[in-house]
Amino acid sequence: MYTRFFKRFIDFIGALIILLLASPILLVSILLLFFANSGKIFFVQKRPGLNSEIFKIIKFKTMNDKRDSNGELLSDEKRLTKIGYWVRKLSIDELPQMINVLKGDMSLVGPRPLLVDYLALYSDEQNRRHDLRPGITGWAQVNGRNTLEWKKKFEYDVWYVDNCSFWLDIKILFLTVAKVFKTEGISSEKSVTMERFLGNDESV
């Protein structure tokens, strides 16, 4: 009952309230990112959602599009702007995803939506992470976020799918707020973003 009805209702009301309360932060971020990224404010990318259906996720753009002499994008570390660094550090880059929540693409809490390329690499058990709407935050995020190895991240995601409840969501939201203030787990040990998932042989 909770996952089929009440969770969606809470998501919609919660996202609407967060957007209203965070509107000053959103406006300042939009202005700063406009100048930092030569007018490019948002990052939009296709991601798999509920039942692996594809939707377009919306985030603030924290990296520029600078390329090397061969036309290849520079590393994440070199493309991350100074404004983008703070936007990521404070998790402000996730706020536009409230629009995805209002649309029903995402939930406030759930497994994070990953790249479409990864769909063919999941085991049947790992693919169960798509049995619920993806979330802005989730059980894996409050247990390590980008510092987790892929295998452990997927285990946390599937555990959440099997144990989803109102009180678990409340716990995750409170833990998320605490981690935002502590700025924990934003980067992996080797990159400012999570390293790519190469398949189960490479991730264990």
N, C-alpha and C. Protein backbone atom coordinates (compact mmCIF):
# COMPACT_ATOMS: atom_id res chain seq x y z
N MET A 1 0.83 -1.21 0.00
CA MET A 1 0.00 0.00 0.00
C MET A 1 0.87 1.26 0.00
N TYR A 2 1.91 1.26 0.83
CA TYR A 2 2.78 2.44 0.91
C TYR A 2 3.45 2.74 -0.42
N THR A 3 4.10 1.72 -1.02
CA THR A 3 4.84 1.96 -2.26
C THR A 3 3.91 2.24 -3.44
N ARG A 4 2.67 1.76 -3.39
CA ARG A 4 1.76 1.92 -4.53
C ARG A 4 1.02 3.25 -4.51
N PHE A 5 0.81 3.82 -3.31
CA PHE A 5 0.02 5.05 -3.26
C PHE A 5 0.65 6.13 -2.40
N PHE A 6 0.83 5.86 -1.12
CA PHE A 6 1.26 6.89 -0.18
C PHE A 6 2.64 7.44 -0.51
N LYS A 7 3.54 6.59 -0.97
CA LYS A 7 4.91 7.04 -1.28
C LYS A 7 4.87 8.09 -2.39
N ARG A 8 4.07 7.87 -3.41
CA ARG A 8 3.96 8.83 -4.51
C ARG A 8 3.35 10.15 -4.04
N PHE A 9 2.34 10.07 -3.17
CA PHE A 9 1.70 11.27 -2.63
C PHE A 9 2.69 12.09 -1.81
N ILE A 10 3.45 11.41 -0.95
CA ILE A 10 4.45 12.08 -0.11
C ILE A 10 5.54 12.69 -0.98
N ASP A 11 5.95 11.96 -2.03
CA ASP A 11 6.96 12.47 -2.95
C ASP A 11 6.53 13.79 -3.58
N PHE A 12 5.30 13.83 -4.07
CA PHE A 12 4.81 15.02 -4.77
C PHE A 12 4.76 16.22 -3.83
N ILE A 13 4.16 16.04 -2.65
CA ILE A 13 4.05 17.13 -1.69
C ILE A 13 5.43 17.55 -1.20
N GLY A 14 6.28 16.57 -0.91
CA GLY A 14 7.62 16.88 -0.43
C GLY A 14 8.46 17.65 -1.43
N ALA A 15 8.40 17.21 -2.70
CA ALA A 15 9.17 17.89 -3.75
C ALA A 15 8.68 19.31 -3.96
N LEU A 16 7.38 19.51 -3.90
CA LEU A 16 6.81 20.84 -4.08
C LEU A 16 7.27 21.78 -2.96
N ILE A 17 7.24 21.29 -1.72
CA ILE A 17 7.67 22.10 -0.58
C ILE A 17 9.16 22.42 -0.67
N ILE A 18 9.96 21.43 -1.04
CA ILE A 18 11.41 21.64 -1.14
C ILE A 18 11.74 22.66 -2.22
N LEU A 19 11.06 22.59 -3.36
CA LEU A 19 11.29 23.56 -4.43
C LEU A 19 10.95 24.97 -3.99
N LEU A 20 9.86 25.12 -3.25
CA LEU A 20 9.46 26.44 -2.77
C LEU A 20 10.46 26.98 -1.76
N LEU A 21 10.85 26.15 -0.79
CA LEU A 21 11.78 26.58 0.24
C LEU A 21 13.17 26.85 -0.32
N ALA A 22 13.56 26.07 -1.33
CA ALA A 22 14.92 26.20 -1.88
C ALA A 22 14.99 27.17 -3.05
N SER A 23 13.89 27.84 -3.37
CA SER A 23 13.88 28.72 -4.54
C SER A 23 14.97 29.80 -4.51
N PRO A 24 15.28 30.42 -3.36
CA PRO A 24 16.38 31.40 -3.36
C PRO A 24 17.72 30.76 -3.73
N ILE A 25 17.98 29.55 -3.21
CA ILE A 25 19.22 28.84 -3.52
C ILE A 25 19.26 28.48 -5.00
N LEU A 26 18.12 28.05 -5.52
CA LEU A 26 18.03 27.70 -6.94
C LEU A 26 18.34 28.89 -7.84
N LEU A 27 17.77 30.03 -7.50
CA LEU A 27 17.96 31.23 -8.31
C LEU A 27 19.42 31.69 -8.31
N VAL A 28 20.05 31.68 -7.12
CA VAL A 28 21.46 32.08 -7.03
C VAL A 28 22.34 31.08 -7.81
N SER A 29 22.04 29.80 -7.67
CA SER A 29 22.81 28.77 -8.37
C SER A 29 22.69 28.91 -9.88
N ILE A 30 21.49 29.18 -10.35
CA ILE A 30 21.27 29.36 -11.78
C ILE A 30 22.09 30.54 -12.31
N LEU A 31 22.11 31.62 -11.56
CA LEU A 31 22.86 32.81 -11.97
C LEU A 31 24.36 32.53 -12.03
N LEU A 32 24.90 31.90 -10.99
CA LEU A 32 26.33 31.62 -10.93
C LEU A 32 26.75 30.61 -11.99
N LEU A 33 25.95 29.57 -12.18
CA LEU A 33 26.29 28.54 -13.17
C LEU A 33 26.17 29.06 -14.59
N PHE A 34 25.29 30.02 -14.79
CA PHE A 34 25.14 30.62 -16.12
C PHE A 34 26.46 31.23 -16.58
N PHE A 35 27.12 31.93 -15.68
CA PHE A 35 28.40 32.55 -16.02
C PHE A 35 29.55 31.54 -16.00
N ALA A 36 29.49 30.58 -15.09
CA ALA A 36 30.58 29.60 -14.99
C ALA A 36 30.61 28.64 -16.18
N ASN A 37 29.43 28.35 -16.75
CA ASN A 37 29.34 27.36 -17.82
C ASN A 37 28.94 27.96 -19.17
N SER A 38 29.23 29.25 -19.34
CA SER A 38 28.94 29.93 -20.61
C SER A 38 27.48 29.78 -21.02
N GLY A 39 26.60 29.95 -20.07
CA GLY A 39 25.16 29.92 -20.36
C GLY A 39 24.50 28.57 -20.21
N LYS A 40 25.30 27.52 -20.03
CA LYS A 40 24.74 26.17 -19.88
C LYS A 40 24.52 25.88 -18.40
N ILE A 41 23.26 25.83 -17.99
CA ILE A 41 22.93 25.72 -16.57
C ILE A 41 22.61 24.29 -16.15
N PHE A 42 21.90 23.58 -17.02
CA PHE A 42 21.39 22.26 -16.64
C PHE A 42 22.09 21.13 -17.40
N PHE A 43 22.17 20.00 -16.73
CA PHE A 43 22.68 18.77 -17.30
C PHE A 43 21.50 17.82 -17.43
N VAL A 44 21.18 17.40 -18.64
CA VAL A 44 20.04 16.51 -18.88
C VAL A 44 20.56 15.23 -19.53
N GLN A 45 20.17 14.10 -18.97
CA GLN A 45 20.67 12.82 -19.48
C GLN A 45 19.61 11.74 -19.32
N LYS A 46 19.59 10.81 -20.26
CA LYS A 46 18.64 9.69 -20.17
C LYS A 46 19.09 8.71 -19.10
N ARG A 47 18.15 8.28 -18.28
CA ARG A 47 18.42 7.30 -17.23
C ARG A 47 17.27 6.29 -17.16
N PRO A 48 17.53 5.05 -16.73
CA PRO A 48 16.45 4.09 -16.55
C PRO A 48 15.72 4.32 -15.23
N GLY A 49 14.40 4.26 -15.28
CA GLY A 49 13.61 4.47 -14.07
C GLY A 49 12.85 3.23 -13.68
N LEU A 50 11.63 3.41 -13.20
CA LEU A 50 10.77 2.29 -12.78
C LEU A 50 10.59 1.32 -13.94
N ASN A 51 10.83 0.03 -13.65
CA ASN A 51 10.73 -1.04 -14.67
C ASN A 51 11.66 -0.79 -15.86
N SER A 52 12.76 -0.08 -15.59
CA SER A 52 13.80 0.22 -16.59
C SER A 52 13.33 1.13 -17.71
N GLU A 53 12.19 1.80 -17.53
CA GLU A 53 11.72 2.74 -18.54
C GLU A 53 12.60 4.00 -18.51
N ILE A 54 12.93 4.50 -19.68
CA ILE A 54 13.88 5.60 -19.81
C ILE A 54 13.20 6.96 -19.60
N PHE A 55 13.85 7.81 -18.82
CA PHE A 55 13.39 9.19 -18.64
C PHE A 55 14.61 10.10 -18.67
N LYS A 56 14.39 11.40 -18.67
CA LYS A 56 15.49 12.37 -18.71
C LYS A 56 15.66 13.01 -17.34
N ILE A 57 16.81 12.76 -16.73
CA ILE A 57 17.10 13.33 -15.42
C ILE A 57 17.63 14.75 -15.59
N ILE A 58 17.29 15.62 -14.63
CA ILE A 58 17.70 17.02 -14.67
C ILE A 58 18.58 17.33 -13.46
N LYS A 59 19.77 17.85 -13.73
CA LYS A 59 20.68 18.26 -12.66
C LYS A 59 21.31 19.58 -13.04
N PHE A 60 21.90 20.25 -12.05
CA PHE A 60 22.70 21.42 -12.38
C PHE A 60 24.01 20.96 -13.02
N LYS A 61 24.46 21.69 -14.01
CA LYS A 61 25.69 21.34 -14.71
C LYS A 61 26.88 21.86 -13.91
N THR A 62 27.71 20.97 -13.42
CA THR A 62 28.83 21.36 -12.57
C THR A 62 30.18 21.28 -13.29
N MET A 63 30.19 20.72 -14.49
CA MET A 63 31.43 20.61 -15.25
C MET A 63 31.28 21.29 -16.61
N ASN A 64 32.36 21.92 -17.09
CA ASN A 64 32.32 22.54 -18.40
C ASN A 64 32.56 21.48 -19.49
N ASP A 65 32.60 21.91 -20.73
CA ASP A 65 32.75 20.98 -21.86
C ASP A 65 34.10 21.10 -22.55
N LYS A 66 35.13 21.44 -21.80
CA LYS A 66 36.46 21.62 -22.39
C LYS A 66 37.01 20.28 -22.88
N ARG A 67 37.68 20.35 -24.04
CA ARG A 67 38.23 19.15 -24.68
C ARG A 67 39.72 19.30 -24.95
N ASP A 68 40.39 18.16 -25.19
CA ASP A 68 41.81 18.19 -25.50
C ASP A 68 42.02 18.42 -26.99
N SER A 69 43.25 18.35 -27.45
CA SER A 69 43.58 18.63 -28.84
C SER A 69 42.97 17.61 -29.81
N ASN A 70 42.57 16.45 -29.28
CA ASN A 70 41.96 15.41 -30.11
C ASN A 70 40.44 15.48 -30.10
N GLY A 71 39.91 16.49 -29.41
CA GLY A 71 38.47 16.63 -29.36
C GLY A 71 37.79 15.81 -28.29
N GLU A 72 38.58 15.13 -27.44
CA GLU A 72 38.03 14.32 -26.36
C GLU A 72 37.82 15.19 -25.12
N LEU A 73 36.73 14.92 -24.39
CA LEU A 73 36.48 15.65 -23.16
C LEU A 73 37.61 15.43 -22.17
N LEU A 74 38.00 16.50 -21.48
CA LEU A 74 39.01 16.37 -20.44
C LEU A 74 38.45 15.56 -19.27
N SER A 75 39.30 15.17 -18.34
CA SER A 75 38.86 14.39 -17.19
C SER A 75 37.88 15.20 -16.34
N ASP A 76 37.10 14.50 -15.54
CA ASP A 76 36.13 15.16 -14.67
C ASP A 76 36.79 16.19 -13.77
N GLU A 77 37.98 15.84 -13.25
CA GLU A 77 38.69 16.74 -12.34
C GLU A 77 39.03 18.06 -13.01
N LYS A 78 39.39 18.01 -14.29
CA LYS A 78 39.79 19.22 -15.00
C LYS A 78 38.59 20.03 -15.48
N ARG A 79 37.44 19.39 -15.61
CA ARG A 79 36.25 20.08 -16.12
C ARG A 79 35.35 20.61 -15.01
N LEU A 80 35.58 20.15 -13.78
CA LEU A 80 34.77 20.62 -12.65
C LEU A 80 35.09 22.08 -12.36
N THR A 81 34.10 22.95 -12.47
CA THR A 81 34.33 24.39 -12.23
C THR A 81 34.36 24.68 -10.74
N LYS A 82 34.86 25.87 -10.38
CA LYS A 82 34.92 26.25 -8.98
C LYS A 82 33.51 26.35 -8.38
N ILE A 83 32.60 26.94 -9.14
CA ILE A 83 31.20 27.01 -8.68
C ILE A 83 30.61 25.61 -8.62
N GLY A 84 30.92 24.81 -9.65
CA GLY A 84 30.42 23.43 -9.69
C GLY A 84 30.88 22.61 -8.52
N TYR A 85 32.11 22.85 -8.07
CA TYR A 85 32.65 22.13 -6.91
C TYR A 85 31.78 22.34 -5.69
N TRP A 86 31.41 23.59 -5.43
CA TRP A 86 30.59 23.89 -4.25
C TRP A 86 29.15 23.44 -4.43
N VAL A 87 28.66 23.52 -5.65
CA VAL A 87 27.30 23.05 -5.92
C VAL A 87 27.21 21.54 -5.66
N ARG A 88 28.25 20.80 -6.06
CA ARG A 88 28.30 19.36 -5.79
C ARG A 88 28.53 19.07 -4.32
N LYS A 89 29.45 19.82 -3.71
CA LYS A 89 29.81 19.58 -2.31
C LYS A 89 28.59 19.73 -1.39
N LEU A 90 27.73 20.69 -1.70
CA LEU A 90 26.54 20.95 -0.90
C LEU A 90 25.30 20.21 -1.44
N SER A 91 25.52 19.37 -2.47
CA SER A 91 24.44 18.58 -3.09
C SER A 91 23.33 19.44 -3.70
N ILE A 92 23.66 20.69 -4.02
CA ILE A 92 22.68 21.58 -4.67
C ILE A 92 22.39 21.11 -6.09
N ASP A 93 23.36 20.40 -6.70
CA ASP A 93 23.16 19.93 -8.07
C ASP A 93 21.99 18.96 -8.20
N GLU A 94 21.56 18.36 -7.07
CA GLU A 94 20.46 17.41 -7.10
C GLU A 94 19.09 18.08 -7.05
N LEU A 95 19.03 19.34 -6.66
CA LEU A 95 17.73 20.00 -6.45
C LEU A 95 16.83 20.03 -7.69
N PRO A 96 17.36 20.25 -8.91
CA PRO A 96 16.46 20.23 -10.07
C PRO A 96 15.73 18.92 -10.27
N GLN A 97 16.23 17.84 -9.66
CA GLN A 97 15.56 16.55 -9.79
C GLN A 97 14.20 16.53 -9.10
N MET A 98 13.91 17.56 -8.30
CA MET A 98 12.58 17.67 -7.72
C MET A 98 11.53 17.78 -8.82
N ILE A 99 11.94 18.32 -9.97
CA ILE A 99 11.03 18.37 -11.13
C ILE A 99 10.73 16.96 -11.60
N ASN A 100 11.76 16.09 -11.62
CA ASN A 100 11.55 14.68 -11.97
C ASN A 100 10.61 14.00 -10.99
N VAL A 101 10.72 14.37 -9.72
CA VAL A 101 9.83 13.79 -8.71
C VAL A 101 8.40 14.23 -8.94
N LEU A 102 8.19 15.52 -9.22
CA LEU A 102 6.85 16.02 -9.49
C LEU A 102 6.24 15.33 -10.70
N LYS A 103 7.06 15.05 -11.71
CA LYS A 103 6.57 14.41 -12.92
C LYS A 103 6.28 12.93 -12.72
N GLY A 104 6.83 12.34 -11.65
CA GLY A 104 6.62 10.92 -11.41
C GLY A 104 7.73 10.04 -11.96
N ASP A 105 8.80 10.66 -12.48
CA ASP A 105 9.95 9.89 -12.96
C ASP A 105 10.74 9.30 -11.80
N MET A 106 10.79 10.06 -10.70
CA MET A 106 11.63 9.69 -9.57
C MET A 106 10.86 9.81 -8.26
N SER A 107 11.49 9.31 -7.22
CA SER A 107 10.98 9.42 -5.85
C SER A 107 12.01 10.20 -5.04
N LEU A 108 11.61 10.70 -3.88
CA LEU A 108 12.59 11.33 -3.00
C LEU A 108 13.61 10.31 -2.53
N VAL A 109 13.15 9.09 -2.27
CA VAL A 109 14.03 8.02 -1.77
C VAL A 109 13.89 6.80 -2.67
N GLY A 110 15.01 6.23 -3.06
CA GLY A 110 15.02 5.04 -3.89
C GLY A 110 16.41 4.81 -4.45
N PRO A 111 16.64 3.71 -5.15
CA PRO A 111 17.94 3.48 -5.77
C PRO A 111 18.26 4.59 -6.77
N ARG A 112 19.47 5.08 -6.75
CA ARG A 112 19.85 6.16 -7.67
C ARG A 112 19.76 5.70 -9.12
N PRO A 113 19.23 6.54 -10.02
CA PRO A 113 19.18 6.16 -11.43
C PRO A 113 20.57 6.26 -12.05
N LEU A 114 21.03 5.19 -12.66
CA LEU A 114 22.38 5.15 -13.22
C LEU A 114 22.32 5.25 -14.74
N LEU A 115 23.43 5.02 -15.41
CA LEU A 115 23.49 5.19 -16.86
C LEU A 115 22.72 4.09 -17.59
N VAL A 116 22.15 4.44 -18.73
CA VAL A 116 21.43 3.47 -19.55
C VAL A 116 22.38 2.37 -20.00
N ASP A 117 23.65 2.71 -20.23
CA ASP A 117 24.64 1.73 -20.68
C ASP A 117 24.78 0.55 -19.72
N TYR A 118 24.46 0.77 -18.46
CA TYR A 118 24.66 -0.27 -17.45
C TYR A 118 23.59 -1.36 -17.50
N LEU A 119 22.47 -1.09 -18.15
CA LEU A 119 21.34 -2.04 -18.12
C LEU A 119 21.74 -3.44 -18.57
N ALA A 120 22.58 -3.52 -19.60
CA ALA A 120 22.98 -4.81 -20.14
C ALA A 120 24.01 -5.52 -19.25
N LEU A 121 24.54 -4.81 -18.25
CA LEU A 121 25.60 -5.36 -17.41
C LEU A 121 25.09 -5.93 -16.08
N TYR A 122 23.84 -5.63 -15.72
CA TYR A 122 23.33 -6.08 -14.44
C TYR A 122 23.01 -7.57 -14.44
N SER A 123 23.18 -8.19 -13.28
CA SER A 123 22.65 -9.54 -13.08
C SER A 123 21.14 -9.40 -12.85
N ASP A 124 20.42 -10.51 -12.88
CA ASP A 124 18.97 -10.46 -12.64
C ASP A 124 18.67 -9.87 -11.27
N GLU A 125 19.50 -10.23 -10.28
CA GLU A 125 19.29 -9.72 -8.92
C GLU A 125 19.54 -8.21 -8.87
N GLN A 126 20.60 -7.75 -9.49
CA GLN A 126 20.91 -6.32 -9.50
C GLN A 126 19.85 -5.52 -10.25
N ASN A 127 19.27 -6.11 -11.27
CA ASN A 127 18.26 -5.42 -12.07
C ASN A 127 16.97 -5.16 -11.28
N ARG A 128 16.82 -5.84 -10.14
CA ARG A 128 15.65 -5.63 -9.29
C ARG A 128 15.64 -4.23 -8.68
N ARG A 129 16.74 -3.51 -8.78
CA ARG A 129 16.78 -2.14 -8.27
C ARG A 129 15.80 -1.25 -9.03
N HIS A 130 15.33 -1.72 -10.18
CA HIS A 130 14.37 -0.95 -10.98
C HIS A 130 12.92 -1.32 -10.67
N ASP A 131 12.70 -2.12 -9.62
CA ASP A 131 11.34 -2.49 -9.24
C ASP A 131 10.62 -1.35 -8.52
N LEU A 132 11.37 -0.33 -8.12
CA LEU A 132 10.80 0.88 -7.53
C LEU A 132 11.31 2.09 -8.31
N ARG A 133 10.63 3.22 -8.14
CA ARG A 133 11.12 4.45 -8.78
C ARG A 133 12.50 4.79 -8.22
N PRO A 134 13.39 5.27 -9.06
CA PRO A 134 14.70 5.70 -8.57
C PRO A 134 14.55 6.93 -7.69
N GLY A 135 15.53 7.15 -6.81
CA GLY A 135 15.41 8.24 -5.85
C GLY A 135 16.52 9.28 -5.96
N ILE A 136 16.25 10.43 -5.38
CA ILE A 136 17.27 11.47 -5.28
C ILE A 136 18.31 11.05 -4.26
N THR A 137 17.86 10.37 -3.22
CA THR A 137 18.76 9.76 -2.25
C THR A 137 18.29 8.33 -1.99
N GLY A 138 19.13 7.55 -1.36
CA GLY A 138 18.75 6.16 -1.14
C GLY A 138 19.58 5.50 -0.05
N TRP A 139 19.31 4.22 0.17
CA TRP A 139 20.00 3.47 1.22
C TRP A 139 21.50 3.37 0.93
N ALA A 140 21.86 3.22 -0.32
CA ALA A 140 23.29 3.17 -0.68
C ALA A 140 23.96 4.53 -0.44
N GLN A 141 23.23 5.61 -0.70
CA GLN A 141 23.80 6.95 -0.55
C GLN A 141 24.12 7.28 0.91
N VAL A 142 23.29 6.85 1.83
CA VAL A 142 23.54 7.15 3.24
C VAL A 142 24.50 6.13 3.86
N ASN A 143 24.90 5.14 3.06
CA ASN A 143 25.86 4.14 3.54
C ASN A 143 27.17 4.19 2.77
N GLY A 144 27.46 5.34 2.17
CA GLY A 144 28.75 5.47 1.50
C GLY A 144 28.75 6.27 0.23
N ARG A 145 27.59 6.33 -0.45
CA ARG A 145 27.47 7.10 -1.68
C ARG A 145 28.53 6.68 -2.69
N ASN A 146 29.33 7.60 -3.22
CA ASN A 146 30.28 7.29 -4.28
C ASN A 146 31.54 6.58 -3.80
N THR A 147 31.69 6.38 -2.50
CA THR A 147 32.86 5.67 -1.98
C THR A 147 32.63 4.16 -1.96
N LEU A 148 31.40 3.71 -2.20
CA LEU A 148 31.08 2.30 -2.19
C LEU A 148 31.55 1.61 -3.46
N GLU A 149 31.93 0.33 -3.33
CA GLU A 149 32.17 -0.48 -4.52
C GLU A 149 30.83 -0.81 -5.14
N TRP A 150 30.82 -1.05 -6.44
CA TRP A 150 29.56 -1.28 -7.14
C TRP A 150 28.76 -2.45 -6.56
N LYS A 151 29.43 -3.55 -6.26
CA LYS A 151 28.73 -4.73 -5.75
C LYS A 151 27.96 -4.40 -4.48
N LYS A 152 28.59 -3.68 -3.56
CA LYS A 152 27.95 -3.31 -2.30
C LYS A 152 26.82 -2.32 -2.55
N LYS A 153 27.03 -1.38 -3.48
CA LYS A 153 25.98 -0.41 -3.80
C LYS A 153 24.71 -1.11 -4.28
N PHE A 154 24.88 -2.09 -5.16
CA PHE A 154 23.71 -2.80 -5.68
C PHE A 154 23.04 -3.64 -4.60
N GLU A 155 23.83 -4.19 -3.69
CA GLU A 155 23.25 -4.95 -2.58
C GLU A 155 22.37 -4.05 -1.71
N TYR A 156 22.84 -2.84 -1.45
CA TYR A 156 22.05 -1.89 -0.69
C TYR A 156 20.77 -1.51 -1.45
N ASP A 157 20.87 -1.33 -2.75
CA ASP A 157 19.70 -0.95 -3.55
C ASP A 157 18.62 -2.03 -3.50
N VAL A 158 19.02 -3.27 -3.69
CA VAL A 158 18.05 -4.38 -3.69
C VAL A 158 17.48 -4.58 -2.30
N TRP A 159 18.31 -4.40 -1.28
CA TRP A 159 17.81 -4.50 0.10
C TRP A 159 16.72 -3.46 0.33
N TYR A 160 16.93 -2.25 -0.17
CA TYR A 160 15.92 -1.21 -0.01
C TYR A 160 14.62 -1.59 -0.71
N VAL A 161 14.71 -2.13 -1.91
CA VAL A 161 13.52 -2.54 -2.64
C VAL A 161 12.71 -3.55 -1.82
N ASP A 162 13.40 -4.47 -1.16
CA ASP A 162 12.73 -5.50 -0.37
C ASP A 162 12.22 -5.01 0.97
N ASN A 163 12.73 -3.90 1.45
CA ASN A 163 12.40 -3.44 2.81
C ASN A 163 11.80 -2.03 2.84
N CYS A 164 11.41 -1.51 1.71
CA CYS A 164 10.89 -0.14 1.63
C CYS A 164 9.70 0.07 2.56
N SER A 165 9.74 1.14 3.33
CA SER A 165 8.65 1.49 4.23
C SER A 165 8.70 2.99 4.51
N PHE A 166 7.64 3.50 5.07
CA PHE A 166 7.58 4.92 5.41
C PHE A 166 8.69 5.30 6.38
N TRP A 167 8.85 4.49 7.42
CA TRP A 167 9.84 4.84 8.44
C TRP A 167 11.27 4.69 7.93
N LEU A 168 11.50 3.75 7.03
CA LEU A 168 12.83 3.63 6.44
C LEU A 168 13.13 4.86 5.57
N ASP A 169 12.14 5.34 4.83
CA ASP A 169 12.33 6.54 4.02
C ASP A 169 12.62 7.76 4.89
N ILE A 170 11.91 7.88 6.00
CA ILE A 170 12.16 8.99 6.92
C ILE A 170 13.58 8.92 7.46
N LYS A 171 14.02 7.72 7.83
CA LYS A 171 15.38 7.54 8.33
C LYS A 171 16.41 7.94 7.29
N ILE A 172 16.20 7.52 6.04
CA ILE A 172 17.14 7.84 4.96
C ILE A 172 17.19 9.34 4.71
N LEU A 173 16.04 10.00 4.75
CA LEU A 173 16.00 11.45 4.52
C LEU A 173 16.76 12.20 5.61
N PHE A 174 16.59 11.79 6.87
CA PHE A 174 17.32 12.44 7.96
C PHE A 174 18.82 12.19 7.84
N LEU A 175 19.20 10.95 7.51
CA LEU A 175 20.62 10.63 7.34
C LEU A 175 21.22 11.39 6.16
N THR A 176 20.41 11.60 5.12
CA THR A 176 20.88 12.35 3.95
C THR A 176 21.20 13.79 4.33
N VAL A 177 20.31 14.42 5.09
CA VAL A 177 20.52 15.80 5.52
C VAL A 177 21.81 15.89 6.34
N ALA A 178 22.02 14.92 7.23
CA ALA A 178 23.23 14.91 8.05
C ALA A 178 24.48 14.78 7.19
N LYS A 179 24.43 13.92 6.16
CA LYS A 179 25.59 13.72 5.31
C LYS A 179 25.85 14.93 4.42
N VAL A 180 24.79 15.64 4.03
CA VAL A 180 24.98 16.86 3.23
C VAL A 180 25.75 17.89 4.05
N PHE A 181 25.40 18.04 5.33
CA PHE A 181 26.11 19.00 6.18
C PHE A 181 27.55 18.58 6.42
N LYS A 182 27.79 17.25 6.44
CA LYS A 182 29.14 16.76 6.65
C LYS A 182 29.90 16.62 5.33
N THR A 183 29.16 16.76 4.19
CA THR A 183 29.71 16.59 2.83
C THR A 183 30.49 15.28 2.72
N GLU A 184 29.86 14.18 3.14
CA GLU A 184 30.51 12.87 3.10
C GLU A 184 30.15 12.11 1.83
N GLY A 185 31.12 11.33 1.32
CA GLY A 185 30.87 10.37 0.26
C GLY A 185 30.60 10.93 -1.11
N ILE A 186 30.93 12.21 -1.35
CA ILE A 186 30.60 12.82 -2.62
C ILE A 186 31.47 12.26 -3.74
N SER A 187 32.75 12.04 -3.48
CA SER A 187 33.66 11.55 -4.50
C SER A 187 34.20 10.19 -4.12
N SER A 188 34.55 9.41 -5.15
CA SER A 188 35.24 8.15 -4.89
C SER A 188 36.70 8.48 -4.62
N GLU A 189 37.49 7.47 -4.28
CA GLU A 189 38.89 7.71 -3.96
C GLU A 189 39.69 8.13 -5.19
N LYS A 190 39.22 7.75 -6.40
CA LYS A 190 40.00 7.99 -7.61
C LYS A 190 39.40 9.05 -8.53
N SER A 191 38.21 9.54 -8.21
CA SER A 191 37.55 10.45 -9.13
C SER A 191 36.60 11.36 -8.37
N VAL A 192 36.27 12.53 -8.99
CA VAL A 192 35.32 13.44 -8.37
C VAL A 192 33.89 12.93 -8.56
N THR A 193 33.72 11.95 -9.45
CA THR A 193 32.43 11.29 -9.63
C THR A 193 32.63 9.80 -9.43
N MET A 194 31.53 9.04 -9.45
CA MET A 194 31.64 7.60 -9.30
C MET A 194 32.28 7.00 -10.54
N GLU A 195 33.21 6.06 -10.35
CA GLU A 195 33.83 5.39 -11.48
C GLU A 195 32.79 4.57 -12.22
N ARG A 196 33.02 4.34 -13.51
CA ARG A 196 32.06 3.60 -14.33
C ARG A 196 31.94 2.16 -13.88
N PHE A 197 30.73 1.61 -14.03
CA PHE A 197 30.48 0.20 -13.77
C PHE A 197 30.83 -0.55 -15.04
N LEU A 198 31.76 -1.51 -14.95
CA LEU A 198 32.26 -2.24 -16.12
C LEU A 198 31.70 -3.64 -16.23
N GLY A 199 30.82 -4.00 -15.31
CA GLY A 199 30.30 -5.35 -15.29
C GLY A 199 30.68 -6.05 -14.01
N ASN A 200 30.06 -7.17 -13.73
CA ASN A 200 30.25 -7.82 -12.45
C ASN A 200 31.63 -8.43 -12.26
N ASP A 201 32.28 -8.83 -13.33
CA ASP A 201 33.64 -9.38 -13.19
C ASP A 201 34.61 -8.32 -12.70
N GLU A 202 34.40 -7.06 -13.18
CA GLU A 202 35.31 -5.98 -12.82
C GLU A 202 34.95 -5.33 -11.50
N SER A 203 33.71 -5.54 -11.01
CA SER A 203 33.26 -4.80 -9.83
C SER A 203 33.41 -5.56 -8.55
N VAL A 204 33.77 -6.84 -8.60
CA VAL A 204 33.87 -7.63 -7.38
C VAL A 204 35.31 -7.72 -6.93
